[in-house]
Amino acid sequence: MAFTVRQEGNVTVVEVEGQLIVGNRQELKQRVLDELDGGGKNFAIDFSDTGYIDSSGLGVLVSLSKKIREQGGELRLAALNEDLRTLFELTKLDTLFQISDDLAGALQGF
């Protein structure tokens, strides 16, 4: 499990490799908050290499989305596999996040 943070223009891209679960959710949260504190406003989280997100992982995404919006930014999600997309639909979180099929789609319009 690893997180990679990089800049694509004015967007901070966070790539999540492996699983987003209770054991690593705080690391993701801290990395995004550090970028937010450093002036980042727009965020895209790339789940191309993510197989599983547990309820605590969903919770941290909701928390980050709220915090980013409060600071005038936006958090978008990209490249959810079929199981993860179903999870977001079942939990109605697909109405909270803009979800794109790939990272390029998430970066459009920022």
Protein backbone atom coordinates (compact mmCIF):
# COMPACT_ATOMS: atom_id res chain seq x y z
CA MET A 1 0.00 0.00 0.00
CA ALA A 2 1.37 3.37 -1.00
CA PHE A 3 0.31 6.91 -1.78
CA THR A 4 1.94 9.03 -4.46
CA VAL A 5 1.30 12.77 -4.47
CA ARG A 6 2.14 14.92 -7.51
CA GLN A 7 1.02 18.10 -9.24
CA GLU A 8 -0.75 18.19 -12.61
CA GLY A 9 -1.08 21.89 -13.36
CA ASN A 10 -3.20 23.37 -10.58
CA VAL A 11 -4.44 19.97 -9.37
CA THR A 12 -2.89 17.82 -6.66
CA VAL A 13 -3.14 14.20 -7.80
CA VAL A 14 -3.05 11.46 -5.17
CA GLU A 15 -2.57 7.92 -6.43
CA VAL A 16 -3.72 5.18 -4.07
CA GLU A 17 -2.06 1.81 -4.52
CA GLY A 18 -3.50 -1.27 -2.84
CA GLN A 19 -6.30 -0.76 -0.34
CA LEU A 20 -7.71 2.23 1.51
CA ILE A 21 -8.49 0.78 4.93
CA VAL A 22 -8.50 1.58 8.64
CA GLY A 23 -4.76 0.96 8.90
CA ASN A 24 -3.72 3.61 6.36
CA ARG A 25 -6.58 6.10 6.09
CA GLN A 26 -4.88 8.58 8.43
CA GLU A 27 -1.82 8.70 6.18
CA LEU A 28 -3.98 9.63 3.19
CA LYS A 29 -5.84 12.22 5.23
CA GLN A 30 -2.64 13.81 6.50
CA ARG A 31 -1.04 13.98 3.06
CA VAL A 32 -4.09 15.70 1.57
CA LEU A 33 -4.41 18.09 4.53
CA ASP A 34 -0.71 18.98 4.22
CA GLU A 35 -1.26 19.86 0.54
CA LEU A 36 -4.38 21.84 1.47
CA ASP A 37 -2.45 23.76 4.13
CA GLY A 38 0.25 24.41 1.53
CA GLY A 39 -2.25 26.19 -0.72
CA GLY A 40 -3.64 23.31 -2.78
CA LYS A 41 -7.31 23.72 -3.67
CA ASN A 42 -8.11 21.14 -6.32
CA PHE A 43 -7.57 17.44 -5.71
CA ALA A 44 -8.03 14.29 -7.77
CA ILE A 45 -7.62 10.88 -6.18
CA ASP A 46 -6.67 8.17 -8.66
CA PHE A 47 -7.89 4.71 -7.70
CA SER A 48 -6.50 2.90 -10.79
CA ASP A 49 -4.44 0.58 -8.58
CA THR A 50 -6.90 0.28 -5.69
CA GLY A 51 -8.80 -2.93 -5.10
CA TYR A 52 -10.66 -2.23 -1.88
CA ILE A 53 -11.94 0.62 0.28
CA ASP A 54 -13.46 -0.11 3.70
CA SER A 55 -15.96 2.03 5.61
CA SER A 56 -13.22 3.98 7.37
CA GLY A 57 -11.68 4.75 3.98
CA LEU A 58 -15.04 6.05 2.75
CA GLY A 59 -15.33 8.12 5.90
CA VAL A 60 -11.97 9.79 5.36
CA LEU A 61 -12.92 10.65 1.75
CA VAL A 62 -16.13 12.29 2.95
CA SER A 63 -14.24 14.19 5.64
CA LEU A 64 -11.61 15.40 3.15
CA SER A 65 -14.26 16.45 0.65
CA LYS A 66 -15.97 18.58 3.28
CA LYS A 67 -12.71 20.19 4.42
CA ILE A 68 -11.61 20.94 0.85
CA ARG A 69 -14.98 22.46 -0.07
CA GLU A 70 -14.88 24.65 3.05
CA GLN A 71 -11.62 26.10 1.70
CA GLY A 72 -13.07 26.75 -1.75
CA GLY A 73 -11.64 23.69 -3.47
CA GLU A 74 -12.90 20.47 -4.96
CA LEU A 75 -12.11 16.77 -4.57
CA ARG A 76 -12.73 14.45 -7.51
CA LEU A 77 -12.31 10.69 -7.77
CA ALA A 78 -11.01 8.77 -10.76
CA ALA A 79 -10.73 5.23 -12.08
CA LEU A 80 -12.84 3.28 -9.59
CA ASN A 81 -13.06 -0.39 -10.53
CA GLU A 82 -16.50 -1.95 -10.96
CA ASP A 83 -16.73 -3.13 -7.33
CA LEU A 84 -15.73 0.27 -5.95
CA ARG A 85 -18.14 2.09 -8.25
CA THR A 86 -20.93 -0.18 -7.00
CA LEU A 87 -19.90 0.57 -3.41
CA PHE A 88 -20.16 4.30 -4.05
CA GLU A 89 -23.57 3.85 -5.71
CA LEU A 90 -24.93 1.68 -2.88
CA THR A 91 -23.79 4.17 -0.24
CA LYS A 92 -25.08 7.10 -2.36
CA LEU A 93 -21.60 8.64 -2.20
CA ASP A 94 -21.66 8.87 -5.99
CA THR A 95 -23.91 11.91 -5.43
CA LEU A 96 -21.30 13.60 -3.22
CA PHE A 97 -18.27 13.11 -5.47
CA GLN A 98 -17.62 13.77 -9.12
CA ILE A 99 -16.37 10.37 -10.29
CA SER A 100 -14.59 9.99 -13.62
CA ASP A 101 -13.67 6.83 -15.51
CA ASP A 102 -10.04 7.90 -15.65
CA LEU A 103 -7.67 10.52 -14.31
CA ALA A 104 -7.76 12.56 -17.53
CA GLY A 105 -11.52 12.93 -17.16
CA ALA A 106 -11.17 14.02 -13.53
CA LEU A 107 -8.63 16.69 -14.46
CA GLN A 108 -10.84 18.26 -17.13
CA GLY A 109 -12.48 21.51 -16.14
CA PHE A 110 -10.39 22.23 -13.07
